[in-house]
Protein backbone atom coordinates (compact mmCIF):
# COMPACT_ATOMS: atom_id res chain seq x y z
CA MET A 1 136.20 65.81 85.46
CA ALA A 2 135.07 69.23 86.69
CA ALA A 3 132.79 69.95 89.72
CA ALA A 4 129.48 70.66 89.19
CA SER A 5 128.71 74.07 90.06
CA LYS A 6 126.29 74.81 92.90
CA VAL A 7 122.59 74.32 92.74
CA THR A 8 121.06 77.87 92.95
CA ALA A 9 117.30 78.44 94.10
CA GLY A 10 114.59 76.94 91.48
CA LEU A 11 111.27 78.00 92.88
CA VAL A 12 108.89 75.09 91.44
CA THR A 13 105.04 73.76 91.95
CA THR A 14 104.84 70.75 93.36
CA MET A 15 104.34 67.72 91.42
CA ALA A 16 101.37 65.04 92.52
CA LEU A 17 101.99 61.47 91.99
CA ALA A 18 100.41 61.22 88.98
CA ALA A 19 100.51 58.54 86.10
CA VAL A 20 102.29 58.91 83.79
CA ALA A 21 101.56 57.69 80.12
CA GLY A 22 103.32 54.90 78.86
CA CYS A 23 102.78 52.75 75.43
CA ALA A 24 103.71 48.72 74.83
CA GLY A 25 105.00 47.43 71.55
CA GLY A 26 105.70 43.86 70.19
CA SER A 27 109.22 42.47 70.11
CA GLU A 28 110.77 45.64 69.91
CA GLY A 29 108.49 47.47 72.01
CA GLY A 30 107.97 51.24 71.41
CA PRO A 31 110.52 53.28 69.00
CA ASN A 32 113.39 52.46 70.93
CA GLY A 33 112.79 49.12 71.40
CA VAL A 34 112.21 48.95 75.51
CA GLN A 35 110.48 46.24 76.28
CA GLY A 36 107.58 45.92 78.42
CA GLY A 37 107.06 49.38 79.27
CA ARG A 38 104.19 50.00 81.61
CA ALA A 39 101.80 52.95 82.34
CA ALA A 40 102.34 54.45 85.68
CA PRO A 41 99.16 53.14 87.87
CA GLN A 42 97.72 56.27 89.97
CA ARG A 43 99.22 56.18 93.53
CA THR A 44 96.01 56.31 96.37
CA ALA A 45 97.06 57.30 100.01
CA GLN A 46 96.66 53.45 101.12
CA GLN A 47 99.32 52.47 98.54
CA VAL A 48 101.27 55.47 100.13
CA LYS A 49 103.57 54.07 102.85
CA LEU A 50 106.11 56.81 104.65
CA ILE A 51 109.25 56.04 105.59
CA GLY A 52 111.39 58.19 108.23
CA ASP A 53 110.36 61.18 108.08
CA GLY A 54 108.12 61.46 105.10
CA SER A 55 111.01 62.26 103.09
CA THR A 56 110.73 59.41 101.10
CA ALA A 57 108.00 56.59 100.36
CA TYR A 58 106.88 53.30 99.22
CA THR A 59 104.46 53.74 96.59
CA GLY A 60 104.91 50.17 94.34
CA THR A 61 106.77 48.81 91.93
CA GLN A 62 108.46 51.71 89.45
CA PRO A 63 106.61 52.04 86.57
CA MET A 64 107.96 52.10 83.09
CA GLN A 65 110.10 49.94 83.26
CA PRO A 66 111.33 47.49 80.44
CA ARG A 67 110.92 44.01 80.97
CA ALA A 68 114.79 41.93 80.70
CA GLU A 69 114.70 39.01 78.35
CA ARG A 70 117.72 36.47 77.55
CA LEU A 71 118.74 36.55 74.17
CA ARG A 72 117.65 33.73 71.98
CA PRO A 73 120.16 31.36 70.12
CA GLY A 74 121.58 33.47 66.98
CA GLU A 75 119.33 36.69 68.30
CA ARG A 76 121.50 40.13 67.92
CA PRO A 77 121.76 42.20 70.97
CA PRO A 78 119.67 45.68 71.13
CA GLN A 79 121.85 48.65 70.72
CA PHE A 80 121.33 49.89 74.59
CA VAL A 81 122.67 53.38 75.10
CA VAL A 82 122.85 55.27 78.41
CA PHE A 83 122.78 58.64 78.86
CA SER A 84 123.62 59.84 82.36
CA TRP A 85 123.97 63.15 84.23
CA ASP A 86 126.18 64.07 87.19
CA GLY A 87 125.09 66.10 89.85
CA ALA A 88 121.97 66.25 88.50
CA GLY A 89 119.81 68.98 90.83
CA GLU A 90 117.75 71.53 89.48
CA ASP A 91 118.57 75.50 89.74
CA SER A 92 117.32 78.58 87.43
CA GLN A 93 118.72 77.14 84.32
CA LYS A 94 115.96 73.92 84.58
CA LEU A 95 118.57 71.65 82.68
CA PHE A 96 117.08 68.85 84.98
CA SER A 97 113.17 69.37 84.04
CA HIS A 98 114.27 70.23 80.32
CA PHE A 99 116.06 66.63 79.65
CA ARG A 100 113.52 65.17 81.83
CA ALA A 101 110.91 66.28 78.87
CA VAL A 102 113.10 65.56 76.35
CA GLY A 103 113.66 62.23 77.10
CA LYS A 104 110.36 61.71 77.18
CA LYS A 105 110.03 63.39 73.95
CA TYR A 106 112.50 61.02 72.33
CA ASN A 107 111.36 57.73 74.48
CA ALA A 108 114.70 57.68 76.35
CA ARG A 109 115.38 56.80 79.76
CA MET A 110 118.27 58.49 81.98
CA THR A 111 120.28 58.25 84.63
CA TYR A 112 120.25 61.16 86.95
CA PHE A 113 123.59 61.05 89.02
CA LEU A 114 122.47 63.03 92.53
CA SER A 115 124.97 64.85 94.37
CA GLY A 116 123.76 64.19 98.00
CA VAL A 117 124.41 68.27 99.49
CA TYR A 118 121.99 68.75 96.43
CA LEU A 119 119.30 67.86 99.58
CA LEU A 120 120.92 69.79 102.30
CA PRO A 121 120.56 73.19 102.58
CA GLY A 122 123.51 75.23 103.88
CA SER A 123 122.51 76.06 107.23
CA LYS A 124 122.58 72.62 107.75
CA LYS A 125 125.67 71.92 106.51
CA ASP A 126 127.34 70.77 109.70
CA VAL A 127 125.14 67.34 109.47
CA TYR A 128 127.70 66.28 106.29
CA HIS A 129 130.72 64.81 107.51
CA PRO A 130 132.97 64.01 104.70
CA PRO A 131 135.90 61.67 105.05
CA LYS A 132 139.36 63.51 105.66
CA HIS A 133 137.48 66.77 105.83
CA ASN A 134 136.20 68.94 108.22
CA PRO A 135 132.61 69.00 109.49
CA GLY A 136 130.04 70.86 106.92
CA ALA A 137 133.49 70.94 103.97
CA SER A 138 131.93 70.59 100.49
CA ASP A 139 134.04 71.69 96.92
CA ILE A 140 130.42 72.62 95.71
CA GLY A 141 128.41 73.88 97.77
CA PHE A 142 125.41 73.17 99.51
CA ASN A 143 121.74 73.93 98.14
CA ASP A 144 118.91 76.68 99.73
CA VAL A 145 115.65 75.51 100.56
CA LYS A 146 113.90 76.49 97.52
CA GLY A 147 116.80 74.91 95.80
CA VAL A 148 116.32 71.11 97.58
CA ARG A 149 112.44 72.02 96.88
CA ALA A 150 113.02 72.30 92.70
CA THR A 151 115.52 69.39 92.74
CA VAL A 152 112.81 67.20 94.65
CA GLU A 153 110.21 68.03 92.33
CA GLN A 154 112.36 66.99 89.69
CA MET A 155 114.06 63.52 91.14
CA ARG A 156 109.82 62.94 91.93
CA GLY A 157 109.15 63.13 88.81
CA ALA A 158 112.23 61.59 87.19
CA TRP A 159 111.32 58.49 89.17
CA MET A 160 107.51 58.28 87.80
CA ASP A 161 108.79 58.90 84.20
CA GLY A 162 111.09 55.59 84.62
CA ASN A 163 114.45 57.11 85.09
CA GLU A 164 117.02 56.46 87.89
CA ILE A 165 118.25 58.44 90.64
CA GLY A 166 121.56 57.27 91.54
CA THR A 167 124.52 59.23 93.33
CA HIS A 168 127.45 61.10 92.53
CA PHE A 169 128.15 61.39 96.28
CA ASN A 170 128.27 64.65 98.31
CA GLY A 171 131.19 67.20 98.37
CA HIS A 172 132.67 66.33 95.11
CA PHE A 173 136.78 66.02 96.82
CA CYS A 174 139.12 65.52 94.41
CA GLY A 175 142.70 65.32 93.85
CA ALA A 176 145.68 63.93 96.24
CA ASN A 177 144.61 66.37 99.32
CA GLY A 178 141.85 64.37 100.81
CA GLY A 179 140.00 63.36 97.40
CA VAL A 180 138.16 60.88 97.28
CA GLY A 181 141.00 58.80 95.42
CA THR A 182 142.56 58.68 98.84
CA TRP A 183 139.51 57.32 100.46
CA SER A 184 139.88 54.01 102.07
CA GLN A 185 136.41 51.01 102.08
CA GLU A 186 135.09 52.30 105.14
CA GLU A 187 135.07 56.08 104.46
CA TRP A 188 133.34 55.01 101.06
CA GLU A 189 130.73 53.24 102.79
CA SER A 190 130.62 56.03 105.38
CA GLU A 191 130.07 58.68 102.29
CA ILE A 192 127.07 56.43 100.96
CA ARG A 193 125.14 56.29 103.57
CA GLN A 194 125.38 59.92 104.30
CA ALA A 195 124.37 60.26 100.60
CA GLU A 196 121.33 58.38 101.43
CA ALA A 197 120.49 60.01 104.37
CA PHE A 198 120.14 63.26 102.71
CA VAL A 199 117.47 61.95 100.20
CA LYS A 200 115.63 60.54 103.53
CA THR A 201 115.41 63.16 105.53
CA TRP A 202 115.49 66.52 103.36
CA LYS A 203 111.85 67.24 105.19
CA THR A 204 113.94 67.46 108.46
CA HIS A 205 116.90 69.65 107.32
CA THR A 206 114.46 72.02 105.22
CA GLY A 207 111.16 71.91 107.13
CA LEU A 208 109.60 71.72 104.12
CA ARG A 209 107.06 69.29 106.22
CA THR A 210 104.12 69.10 103.89
CA GLU A 211 105.37 68.93 100.56
CA LYS A 212 105.13 65.46 99.08
CA PRO A 213 107.37 62.67 99.45
CA LEU A 214 109.79 61.31 96.99
CA PRO A 215 108.14 58.16 95.82
CA PHE A 216 110.80 55.58 96.54
CA ASP A 217 112.61 54.21 99.11
CA TYR A 218 116.24 55.27 98.25
CA SER A 219 118.15 52.62 100.49
CA LYS A 220 116.20 50.22 97.75
CA GLU A 221 116.13 52.10 94.64
CA LEU A 222 120.09 53.08 95.22
CA VAL A 223 122.37 50.30 93.10
CA GLY A 224 125.43 52.35 91.35
CA GLY A 225 126.58 56.04 90.92
CA ARG A 226 129.68 57.49 89.56
CA ALA A 227 132.90 58.89 91.80
CA PRO A 228 133.95 62.65 91.25
CA CYS A 229 136.70 63.44 88.94
CA LEU A 230 136.63 59.43 87.90
CA GLU A 231 139.26 58.78 91.30
CA GLY A 232 138.84 56.16 93.71
CA GLN A 233 137.15 52.69 92.43
CA ARG A 234 139.97 50.68 93.92
CA ASN A 235 138.15 51.20 97.31
CA LEU A 236 134.90 52.28 96.17
CA ILE A 237 134.17 48.61 94.29
CA PRO A 238 134.77 46.83 98.34
CA ALA A 239 131.95 49.45 99.19
CA ALA A 240 129.89 49.48 96.90
CA LYS A 241 128.88 45.39 97.00
CA ALA A 242 129.19 46.60 100.45
CA MET A 243 126.15 48.76 100.16
CA GLY A 244 124.35 46.40 98.06
CA PHE A 245 124.97 48.64 94.78
CA ARG A 246 125.02 45.99 91.59
CA TYR A 247 127.38 48.39 89.11
CA ASP A 248 129.52 51.40 89.19
CA SER A 249 130.76 54.04 86.35
CA SER A 250 133.50 55.70 87.79
CA SER A 251 136.32 53.91 86.20
CA VAL A 252 138.75 55.86 83.89
CA GLY A 253 139.41 54.91 80.01
CA GLY A 254 137.16 52.29 79.07
CA ARG A 255 136.50 51.58 75.34
CA GLN A 256 133.76 50.77 73.28
CA LEU A 257 133.15 46.76 74.43
CA TRP A 258 131.18 44.62 76.47
CA PRO A 259 130.86 45.46 80.21
CA GLU A 260 132.53 43.05 82.89
CA ARG A 261 131.89 42.84 86.47
CA ILE A 262 134.67 43.65 88.75
CA ASP A 263 134.07 41.58 92.09
CA GLY A 264 130.54 41.01 91.41
CA ILE A 265 129.67 44.58 90.39
CA TRP A 266 129.51 45.59 86.81
CA ASP A 267 131.99 47.58 85.70
CA LEU A 268 129.96 50.38 83.23
CA PRO A 269 133.06 53.33 82.53
CA LEU A 270 132.73 55.90 80.36
CA GLN A 271 134.19 54.99 77.03
CA GLN A 272 136.48 56.75 74.60
CA ILE A 273 134.93 57.60 71.52
CA PRO A 274 136.04 59.54 68.36
CA VAL A 275 136.82 63.29 68.12
CA PRO A 276 135.73 64.09 64.43
CA GLY A 277 138.49 65.95 62.27
CA ARG A 278 141.08 65.18 65.31
CA ALA A 279 143.53 61.66 65.72
CA PHE A 280 143.10 61.16 69.32
CA GLU A 281 139.91 60.08 70.98
CA THR A 282 138.26 61.31 74.54
CA LEU A 283 135.80 60.49 76.78
CA SER A 284 132.10 60.07 75.94
CA MET A 285 131.70 63.47 78.32
CA ASP A 286 130.48 67.18 78.08
CA TYR A 287 133.73 68.28 79.88
CA ASN A 288 136.36 66.00 78.21
CA PHE A 289 135.15 67.62 75.21
CA LEU A 290 135.38 71.07 76.86
CA VAL A 291 139.09 70.33 77.75
CA ASN A 292 140.35 69.36 74.42
CA GLN A 293 138.53 72.38 72.60
CA SER A 294 138.86 75.27 74.51
CA GLY A 295 140.41 74.28 78.17
CA THR A 296 138.09 76.88 79.78
CA THR A 297 133.99 76.66 80.24
CA ARG A 298 134.18 80.21 78.75
CA GLY A 299 136.04 80.13 75.49
CA ASP A 300 135.78 81.95 72.29
CA PRO A 301 132.02 82.67 71.56
CA ALA A 302 132.72 81.91 67.48
CA MET A 303 133.88 78.18 68.02
CA HIS A 304 130.63 77.33 70.34
CA THR A 305 128.62 76.35 67.30
CA ALA A 306 131.62 74.48 65.88
CA TRP A 307 132.34 72.86 69.58
CA GLY A 308 129.06 71.32 69.81
CA ARG A 309 128.80 69.62 66.33
CA GLN A 310 132.34 68.32 66.87
CA MET A 311 130.65 66.69 70.14
CA ARG A 312 127.25 66.03 68.54
CA ASP A 313 128.86 64.41 65.42
CA GLY A 314 131.20 62.28 67.89
CA LEU A 315 128.83 60.79 70.23
CA VAL A 316 126.91 60.02 66.74
CA ALA A 317 129.74 58.25 65.24
CA ALA A 318 130.74 56.36 68.35
CA PHE A 319 126.83 54.98 68.05
CA ASP A 320 127.42 54.39 64.66
CA ARG A 321 130.74 52.43 65.24
CA ALA A 322 128.93 50.17 67.77
CA GLU A 323 125.73 49.56 66.05
CA LYS A 324 127.48 48.27 62.87
CA GLY A 325 130.15 46.73 65.22
CA ASN A 326 129.82 44.74 68.37
CA ARG A 327 126.67 46.29 69.45
CA ALA A 328 128.25 47.35 72.79
CA PRO A 329 126.40 49.31 75.21
CA LEU A 330 127.30 53.06 74.26
CA ILE A 331 128.20 55.34 77.69
CA VAL A 332 127.37 59.05 77.90
CA GLY A 333 128.15 61.28 80.51
CA ASN A 334 127.31 64.87 80.94
CA HIS A 335 126.66 68.05 83.37
CA PHE A 336 123.58 70.31 84.06
CA GLU A 337 125.97 73.39 82.66
CA SER A 338 126.19 75.74 80.16
CA TRP A 339 129.80 75.47 79.59
CA ASN A 340 130.46 77.55 76.33
CA GLY A 341 127.11 79.05 76.15
CA GLY A 342 125.56 75.81 76.59
CA THR A 343 126.70 74.25 73.32
CA TYR A 344 127.37 70.68 74.83
CA MET A 345 124.01 70.69 76.18
CA ARG A 346 122.50 71.07 72.36
CA ALA A 347 125.19 68.36 71.83
CA VAL A 348 123.76 65.89 73.64
CA GLU A 349 119.90 66.83 73.06
CA ASP A 350 120.65 66.49 69.51
CA ALA A 351 122.59 63.04 69.93
CA ILE A 352 119.13 61.73 71.70
CA LYS A 353 117.03 63.25 68.82
CA THR A 354 119.32 61.34 66.62
CA VAL A 355 119.90 58.02 67.87
CA CYS A 356 116.61 57.23 70.71
CA PRO A 357 114.43 56.70 68.04
CA ARG A 358 115.54 54.52 65.90
CA ARG A 359 114.13 50.77 65.72
CA GLY A 360 116.24 48.04 68.23
CA VAL A 361 117.82 51.11 70.04
CA ARG A 362 116.79 51.42 73.61
CA CYS A 363 117.99 54.54 75.81
CA VAL A 364 118.35 52.94 78.81
CA THR A 365 119.16 53.93 82.63
CA PHE A 366 122.07 51.93 83.93
CA LYS A 367 120.14 49.85 86.44
CA GLN A 368 118.35 48.89 83.53
CA LEU A 369 121.18 47.75 81.53
CA ALA A 370 122.46 45.91 84.30
CA ASP A 371 119.33 44.31 84.50
CA TRP A 372 119.50 42.89 81.38
CA LEU A 373 123.49 41.58 82.06
CA ASP A 374 122.28 40.00 84.39
CA ALA A 375 119.50 37.94 82.53
CA GLN A 376 121.97 36.62 80.14
CA ASP A 377 123.68 33.31 79.53
CA PRO A 378 126.89 33.91 80.76
CA GLN A 379 129.06 32.17 77.96
CA VAL A 380 127.03 34.37 75.62
CA LEU A 381 128.46 37.83 77.52
CA GLU A 382 131.71 36.74 77.57
CA LYS A 383 131.62 35.63 73.59
CA LEU A 384 129.88 39.49 73.52
CA ARG A 385 133.06 40.80 75.17
CA GLY A 386 135.53 39.16 72.45
CA LEU A 387 134.20 41.16 69.53
CA PRO A 388 136.68 44.26 69.36
CA VAL A 389 135.24 48.02 69.27
CA GLY A 390 133.52 48.19 66.29
CA GLY A 391 134.07 44.82 65.29
CA ALA A 392 130.91 42.64 64.08
CA PRO A 393 131.11 38.81 63.53
CA LYS A 394 132.30 37.86 60.22
CA GLY A 395 129.34 35.28 59.92
CA GLY A 396 126.84 37.07 61.60
CA TRP A 397 124.96 37.44 64.17
CA GLY A 398 123.39 34.33 63.89
CA GLY A 399 126.45 32.60 63.43
CA TYR A 400 127.89 34.01 66.26
CA LEU A 401 125.77 33.71 69.32
CA THR A 402 124.55 29.85 69.26
CA THR A 403 125.08 29.00 72.92
CA PRO A 404 121.82 27.16 73.91
CA SER A 405 120.23 29.23 77.09
CA ALA A 406 117.50 28.95 79.31
CA LYS A 407 114.10 29.62 78.41
CA PRO A 408 113.87 33.14 77.11
CA GLY A 409 112.06 35.78 80.04
CA ALA A 410 113.11 33.34 82.40
CA PRO A 411 117.17 33.35 82.84
CA GLU A 412 119.12 31.63 86.29
CA ARG A 413 121.17 34.06 87.91
CA PRO A 414 125.11 33.02 86.73
CA ALA A 415 126.53 32.48 90.24
CA GLY A 416 128.26 35.03 91.80
CA SER A 417 126.58 37.82 90.09
CA ALA A 418 125.05 40.43 91.97
CA SER A 419 121.44 39.84 93.37
CA PRO A 420 119.06 43.17 92.17
CA ALA A 421 117.85 43.29 96.01
CA LYS A 422 120.26 44.74 98.29
CA PRO A 423 121.17 43.60 101.36
CA VAL A 424 119.31 44.32 104.65
CA ARG A 425 121.53 47.04 106.86
CA ARG A 426 121.10 49.71 109.09
CA ASP A 427 121.09 52.75 107.33
CA ALA A 428 121.42 56.60 108.23
CA GLU A 429 118.69 58.35 109.30
């Protein structure tokens, strides 16, 4: 995975904490089967409880969240799809705001993995103390005040839309020379604390005191992330557990199988998916298609359309393989980049348009997927994990998932599973 490019200035107007319309349906909910979607309530001044310097605030329960219900005996599982974005920030390309609009159009919730340094202006870079590097170091640079304002604007709206703000951590260090793969558990914990702190103190660092706060307590909302370059998961997992995370999406070489936990943390990796016209598979991410097509971000313009079509068709082929087979969640990762003329952005948008409106499909965040997994009977999940890639039950779903379970909608939490409530801890401010 390549480091995301530095976020540049992108001045946008500040959005009020307004209501976002939503619709709820029957057993399948809306067109992509999201259950329990709720319109965002109006946030009054009395409901906004500022946190710290006022960069964040508690404004109540996040709107537009589905209700996680346990499968009934013999019920076919939904087809989940998670679209996620590494190093999410709003720059002059305005891809964050664009894909927020795409998500609303096609009823897709997404996970935006924020790089914490995108909320830290370069003038304050020495506040960041990266593990194994000098203070103020970052392989993706820092932001400026206008860029922080623009990114905060999109984070605010994304959360109100029902999306998730996860973390891509901070300085995006890769490789053997101090990269994240060399970090200890304690160093990972330091990195996570700082990622939270940059979100909770952006007003102090930018001087934007009159801007509206982010409408959530990030120490409670942050429950997962993806490591730079997909490195360092071994020591990240115990750190993530100590910091109250519920999932991680940093492992390499995942397959289209139902997820498992690592020490209580849901392992939700990118997956090996088809590369149409080729005899191999690659990870379900824009950068990995780029490496196999051009090896550069500025390849032959005459090939841009073909390369984008290949990625789009690969994503849809992976979706079809899951939907008709074991119905394992499809995990997709991307960057807000214009590599090879923006062809991968168009490919992802076309894939969202193609799969998310289908009946029985739920385009959700990682957090929402973890909620659903936590709600299931452990024996049912074990049976789901027994299905191979693309393999549907021979006797049909009704005969395969017959394990008795608790009353639907009121699941018991499996022993040893991660709780959705984060533990109390001392956070960096």
